[in-house]
Amino acid sequence: LAIKRYLLLGQGDFVQYLMDVVGPELSEPANRISPFHLAGLLETAIRASDAQYDDRDILDRIKVKMMDHGDGDVGWDVFSLEYDARVPLDTVFTASVMKMYLKIFNFLWKLKRVDHSLTGVWKTMKPNCILSSPFYKEGTSIRAQFVSVLRKCQVLFNEMNHFVTNFQYYIMFEVLEVSWARFSEEMDAAKDLDDLLMGHDKYLTSIVEKSLLGERSLGILRNLFALFDIILQFRSHADRWFERIYELQLRLDYCRNS
């Protein structure tokens, strides 16, 4: 259950706090990031969320893992969590099994990152920020250009948010929760360790296949990751656009007051 909550990101408020605290750090080049610092941020997220009420032995087993990285990788590309499955749990959670969990975690982490990025876009574009912008109150020409770009951004945001929200619902409920419910039934019915191992293998296989992580879905997965990249680029462009607006506003204020 602990692995489901933390490696499969079922502990919602913990995931949100973790994204918030590690986000700025993970935007840096991977070779500049300290795993020890990330471990401290992990502990911060635990203490700020309901995860703090979990058994301390469970929490101490959650570790930050930095995967191998190449030139151009940032922290988001190589960050992951792992669970230290000690005796006797290592009978079930073998090295190969934990490798599958890592694969699933990396996928879920990408999805959560995209969702988190869209939340950031919404905070930037929300109506009270937009309507208070002096550019919205400027002359007809400037206002028309401003509104035109803004509407295009809002249309893009709505489409992206609709897709991510629905896809995330599918993954978290139709895949993870349904697979867990079936595995729970098999655990209750298991007569020996072999039955448990078989049920667990079916559980992971179900998640991998339904999450498009299997060999048969590689083409779809590549397209999905391409969409994720487009959404992240949109967040970057939106941030820069509003930064430019605020810079121009400072210049306008300066000109008016000088």
Foldseek 3Di string as FASTA:
>chain_A
DLCCCALVVVQPQLLVQLCVQCVVQQQAAPVVHDQVVSQVSSVVSCVVGPVVPDDVVQVVQKGWWFADDDPPHGNLQGIHIFGNQDPPRCVQVPPVNRVLSRVSSNVVSLLVNLLVLLVVLCVCLPDVNVCPQVQCVDDPVSNVVSVVVSVVLVVVSVVLNVVSVVLVCCLVPVQLVVLVVQLVVQVVVDPDPVSNNVSVVVSSVSSCVSNLNDPVNPVVVVVVVVSSVVSNVSSVVSVVVVVVSVVVVVVVVVVVVD
